[in-house]
Structures are given as structure tokens and as C-alpha cells.
Amino acid sequence: TPAQTVRAFITAVRRADLAELRSLMHEPLLAALEEDWSARVDAIERALEEPGALELSADLRRAELRYEGSRVLTLEQTPQGWRVTGLR
């Protein structure tokens, strides 16, 4: 389901190993990136719990989760299952 895919996305982001990024980025920039992603994932998780926040298209092949005002996580049904196709 779209909700299961969003939950899996949240878990994957939280478990991401940033070791390679650490070798490429200046530490203050990396810290800001980690903080931004952490806040974004927290907001996505909170939004997922809100009734009606996950909107399905009429054909049930696309879903959007609105979070933090105008931000949107977009998912689409593919032959491999639901996939995140947009993050703004």
C-alpha cells in the first residue's frame, strides 16, 4: 500500500549510512543536511498519521502525502509495487 511504502521510506532514510558523504562534505554542511532530512522524515511520519493526509488519485495509481504546508511526497503504482516518485 502507499502507507506501507512511506513507512519503508522513513525507515530507509533513518538507517542510511552517511559515511561516504562524510568523506565528501564539510562537516557543518553535513550536519545541516542530516538535520534537514531528520526534520523532513519526522514531518512525513507525523503527516502519515493524520486522517486524509494520504490522497489517492481517482484511478488509485498515484498517491500524495502532504506535509509541512506545501511539501508533497508523491508515490505511483508500478509493476514492482508502490514507488516514491517525487519529493518536494
N, C-alpha and C. Protein backbone atom coordinates (compact mmCIF):
# COMPACT_ATOMS: atom_id res chain seq x y z
N THR A 1 0.84 -1.18 0.00
CA THR A 1 0.00 0.00 0.00
C THR A 1 0.89 1.25 0.00
N PRO A 2 0.34 2.39 -0.36
CA PRO A 2 1.13 3.61 -0.30
C PRO A 2 1.65 3.89 1.12
N ALA A 3 0.81 3.67 2.13
CA ALA A 3 1.24 3.92 3.51
C ALA A 3 2.41 3.02 3.89
N GLN A 4 2.38 1.76 3.50
CA GLN A 4 3.49 0.85 3.80
C GLN A 4 4.77 1.32 3.11
N THR A 5 4.64 1.81 1.90
CA THR A 5 5.80 2.31 1.17
C THR A 5 6.38 3.54 1.85
N VAL A 6 5.53 4.44 2.32
CA VAL A 6 6.00 5.62 3.05
C VAL A 6 6.72 5.20 4.32
N ARG A 7 6.17 4.24 5.04
CA ARG A 7 6.82 3.76 6.27
C ARG A 7 8.19 3.13 5.95
N ALA A 8 8.27 2.37 4.87
CA ALA A 8 9.55 1.77 4.47
C ALA A 8 10.55 2.85 4.07
N PHE A 9 10.07 3.90 3.39
CA PHE A 9 10.92 5.03 3.01
C PHE A 9 11.48 5.70 4.27
N ILE A 10 10.63 5.94 5.26
CA ILE A 10 11.06 6.57 6.50
C ILE A 10 12.14 5.73 7.17
N THR A 11 11.93 4.43 7.24
CA THR A 11 12.91 3.52 7.85
C THR A 11 14.23 3.56 7.08
N ALA A 12 14.16 3.52 5.76
CA ALA A 12 15.38 3.52 4.94
C ALA A 12 16.17 4.81 5.13
N VAL A 13 15.49 5.94 5.17
CA VAL A 13 16.20 7.21 5.36
C VAL A 13 16.85 7.24 6.74
N ARG A 14 16.14 6.80 7.75
CA ARG A 14 16.69 6.81 9.10
C ARG A 14 17.89 5.86 9.25
N ARG A 15 17.91 4.80 8.49
CA ARG A 15 19.00 3.82 8.57
C ARG A 15 20.15 4.13 7.61
N ALA A 16 20.00 5.15 6.79
CA ALA A 16 21.00 5.45 5.76
C ALA A 16 22.38 5.67 6.37
N ASP A 17 23.37 5.08 5.74
CA ASP A 17 24.74 5.24 6.17
C ASP A 17 25.35 6.41 5.41
N LEU A 18 25.72 7.44 6.13
CA LEU A 18 26.25 8.64 5.50
C LEU A 18 27.77 8.68 5.49
N ALA A 19 28.40 7.55 5.68
CA ALA A 19 29.87 7.50 5.75
C ALA A 19 30.50 8.07 4.49
N GLU A 20 30.00 7.73 3.35
CA GLU A 20 30.58 8.23 2.10
C GLU A 20 30.39 9.73 1.97
N LEU A 21 29.23 10.23 2.38
CA LEU A 21 29.00 11.67 2.35
C LEU A 21 29.95 12.39 3.29
N ARG A 22 30.22 11.79 4.45
CA ARG A 22 31.13 12.42 5.41
C ARG A 22 32.50 12.68 4.79
N SER A 23 32.93 11.81 3.90
CA SER A 23 34.24 11.98 3.28
C SER A 23 34.22 13.06 2.18
N LEU A 24 33.03 13.47 1.77
CA LEU A 24 32.92 14.43 0.67
C LEU A 24 32.46 15.82 1.09
N MET A 25 31.86 15.93 2.25
CA MET A 25 31.23 17.18 2.63
C MET A 25 31.90 17.81 3.84
N HIS A 26 31.88 19.13 3.86
CA HIS A 26 32.34 19.90 5.01
C HIS A 26 31.39 19.61 6.17
N GLU A 27 31.91 19.39 7.36
CA GLU A 27 31.11 18.94 8.50
C GLU A 27 29.89 19.80 8.79
N PRO A 28 29.98 21.13 8.79
CA PRO A 28 28.77 21.92 9.06
C PRO A 28 27.67 21.69 8.01
N LEU A 29 28.06 21.51 6.77
CA LEU A 29 27.08 21.25 5.72
C LEU A 29 26.45 19.88 5.91
N LEU A 30 27.24 18.90 6.26
CA LEU A 30 26.71 17.56 6.51
C LEU A 30 25.76 17.57 7.70
N ALA A 31 26.11 18.29 8.75
CA ALA A 31 25.23 18.38 9.93
C ALA A 31 23.90 19.02 9.54
N ALA A 32 23.94 20.06 8.72
CA ALA A 32 22.71 20.72 8.27
C ALA A 32 21.87 19.77 7.42
N LEU A 33 22.52 18.99 6.57
CA LEU A 33 21.82 18.02 5.74
C LEU A 33 21.15 16.96 6.60
N GLU A 34 21.88 16.43 7.57
CA GLU A 34 21.31 15.42 8.47
C GLU A 34 20.12 15.99 9.24
N GLU A 35 20.25 17.22 9.72
CA GLU A 35 19.17 17.85 10.46
C GLU A 35 17.94 18.06 9.57
N ASP A 36 18.18 18.51 8.33
CA ASP A 36 17.08 18.74 7.39
C ASP A 36 16.34 17.44 7.09
N TRP A 37 17.07 16.36 6.80
CA TRP A 37 16.43 15.09 6.50
C TRP A 37 15.71 14.53 7.71
N SER A 38 16.30 14.69 8.87
CA SER A 38 15.65 14.20 10.09
C SER A 38 14.33 14.93 10.31
N ALA A 39 14.35 16.24 10.18
CA ALA A 39 13.13 17.03 10.36
C ALA A 39 12.10 16.67 9.30
N ARG A 40 12.56 16.49 8.05
CA ARG A 40 11.63 16.16 6.96
C ARG A 40 10.98 14.80 7.19
N VAL A 41 11.77 13.82 7.57
CA VAL A 41 11.24 12.48 7.79
C VAL A 41 10.28 12.49 8.99
N ASP A 42 10.61 13.24 10.03
CA ASP A 42 9.69 13.37 11.17
C ASP A 42 8.36 13.97 10.72
N ALA A 43 8.42 14.99 9.87
CA ALA A 43 7.20 15.63 9.37
C ALA A 43 6.39 14.68 8.50
N ILE A 44 7.06 13.89 7.68
CA ILE A 44 6.38 12.90 6.84
C ILE A 44 5.69 11.87 7.73
N GLU A 45 6.39 11.43 8.76
CA GLU A 45 5.82 10.43 9.67
C GLU A 45 4.59 10.99 10.39
N ARG A 46 4.68 12.23 10.86
CA ARG A 46 3.52 12.85 11.52
C ARG A 46 2.35 12.98 10.56
N ALA A 47 2.63 13.41 9.34
CA ALA A 47 1.56 13.59 8.35
C ALA A 47 0.88 12.27 8.03
N LEU A 48 1.64 11.20 7.97
CA LEU A 48 1.08 9.89 7.65
C LEU A 48 0.03 9.47 8.68
N GLU A 49 0.18 9.92 9.90
CA GLU A 49 -0.77 9.59 10.95
C GLU A 49 -2.06 10.41 10.89
N GLU A 50 -2.05 11.48 10.12
CA GLU A 50 -3.23 12.35 10.02
C GLU A 50 -4.25 11.75 9.04
N PRO A 51 -5.49 11.61 9.46
CA PRO A 51 -6.52 11.10 8.55
C PRO A 51 -6.66 12.00 7.32
N GLY A 52 -6.67 11.39 6.16
CA GLY A 52 -6.85 12.13 4.91
C GLY A 52 -5.61 12.77 4.34
N ALA A 53 -4.48 12.68 5.03
CA ALA A 53 -3.25 13.29 4.53
C ALA A 53 -2.72 12.56 3.30
N LEU A 54 -2.96 11.28 3.20
CA LEU A 54 -2.54 10.48 2.05
C LEU A 54 -3.71 10.42 1.08
N GLU A 55 -3.55 11.13 -0.04
CA GLU A 55 -4.63 11.24 -1.02
C GLU A 55 -4.35 10.33 -2.21
N LEU A 56 -5.33 9.51 -2.56
CA LEU A 56 -5.22 8.63 -3.72
C LEU A 56 -5.90 9.26 -4.92
N SER A 57 -5.33 9.05 -6.10
CA SER A 57 -5.95 9.54 -7.33
C SER A 57 -7.20 8.71 -7.63
N ALA A 58 -8.04 9.20 -8.53
CA ALA A 58 -9.28 8.51 -8.87
C ALA A 58 -9.03 7.11 -9.42
N ASP A 59 -7.92 6.93 -10.14
CA ASP A 59 -7.61 5.61 -10.71
C ASP A 59 -6.80 4.73 -9.75
N LEU A 60 -6.52 5.24 -8.55
CA LEU A 60 -5.80 4.51 -7.49
C LEU A 60 -4.37 4.12 -7.88
N ARG A 61 -3.78 4.85 -8.83
CA ARG A 61 -2.42 4.53 -9.27
C ARG A 61 -1.39 5.54 -8.80
N ARG A 62 -1.86 6.59 -8.15
CA ARG A 62 -0.98 7.65 -7.67
C ARG A 62 -1.46 8.09 -6.29
N ALA A 63 -0.52 8.43 -5.44
CA ALA A 63 -0.86 8.90 -4.10
C ALA A 63 0.04 10.07 -3.75
N GLU A 64 -0.50 11.00 -2.96
CA GLU A 64 0.28 12.13 -2.50
C GLU A 64 0.09 12.28 -0.99
N LEU A 65 1.20 12.49 -0.31
CA LEU A 65 1.17 12.75 1.12
C LEU A 65 1.67 14.18 1.31
N ARG A 66 0.78 15.04 1.77
CA ARG A 66 1.14 16.44 2.01
C ARG A 66 1.66 16.57 3.44
N TYR A 67 2.76 17.31 3.55
CA TYR A 67 3.37 17.52 4.87
C TYR A 67 4.01 18.90 4.90
N GLU A 68 4.15 19.44 6.08
CA GLU A 68 4.77 20.76 6.27
C GLU A 68 4.24 21.80 5.28
N GLY A 69 2.96 22.00 5.29
CA GLY A 69 2.37 23.01 4.42
C GLY A 69 2.32 22.59 2.97
N SER A 70 3.26 23.07 2.16
CA SER A 70 3.20 22.83 0.72
C SER A 70 4.08 21.68 0.24
N ARG A 71 4.76 20.99 1.14
CA ARG A 71 5.60 19.86 0.71
C ARG A 71 4.75 18.64 0.41
N VAL A 72 5.21 17.85 -0.56
CA VAL A 72 4.45 16.68 -1.01
C VAL A 72 5.39 15.52 -1.31
N LEU A 73 5.03 14.35 -0.82
CA LEU A 73 5.69 13.10 -1.18
C LEU A 73 4.75 12.40 -2.14
N THR A 74 5.22 12.11 -3.36
CA THR A 74 4.39 11.50 -4.38
C THR A 74 4.80 10.06 -4.59
N LEU A 75 3.79 9.19 -4.71
CA LEU A 75 4.01 7.77 -4.96
C LEU A 75 3.21 7.35 -6.18
N GLU A 76 3.72 6.36 -6.89
CA GLU A 76 2.99 5.80 -8.04
C GLU A 76 3.03 4.29 -7.98
N GLN A 77 1.96 3.68 -8.42
CA GLN A 77 1.88 2.22 -8.51
C GLN A 77 2.64 1.79 -9.76
N THR A 78 3.58 0.86 -9.61
CA THR A 78 4.36 0.34 -10.72
C THR A 78 4.22 -1.18 -10.72
N PRO A 79 4.72 -1.86 -11.74
CA PRO A 79 4.68 -3.32 -11.74
C PRO A 79 5.43 -3.92 -10.54
N GLN A 80 6.38 -3.17 -9.98
CA GLN A 80 7.14 -3.64 -8.82
C GLN A 80 6.50 -3.21 -7.50
N GLY A 81 5.36 -2.56 -7.55
CA GLY A 81 4.69 -2.07 -6.35
C GLY A 81 4.73 -0.55 -6.29
N TRP A 82 4.36 -0.01 -5.15
CA TRP A 82 4.37 1.44 -4.97
C TRP A 82 5.81 1.94 -4.86
N ARG A 83 6.09 3.08 -5.54
CA ARG A 83 7.41 3.68 -5.52
C ARG A 83 7.29 5.18 -5.26
N VAL A 84 8.21 5.73 -4.52
CA VAL A 84 8.27 7.18 -4.33
C VAL A 84 8.79 7.78 -5.64
N THR A 85 8.02 8.69 -6.21
CA THR A 85 8.41 9.29 -7.49
C THR A 85 8.62 10.80 -7.40
N GLY A 86 8.31 11.36 -6.24
CA GLY A 86 8.54 12.80 -6.09
C GLY A 86 8.65 13.17 -4.63
N LEU A 87 9.50 14.15 -4.37
CA LEU A 87 9.71 14.62 -3.01
C LEU A 87 10.04 16.09 -3.09
N ARG A 88 9.06 16.92 -2.72
CA ARG A 88 9.31 18.36 -2.75
C ARG A 88 8.83 18.98 -1.48
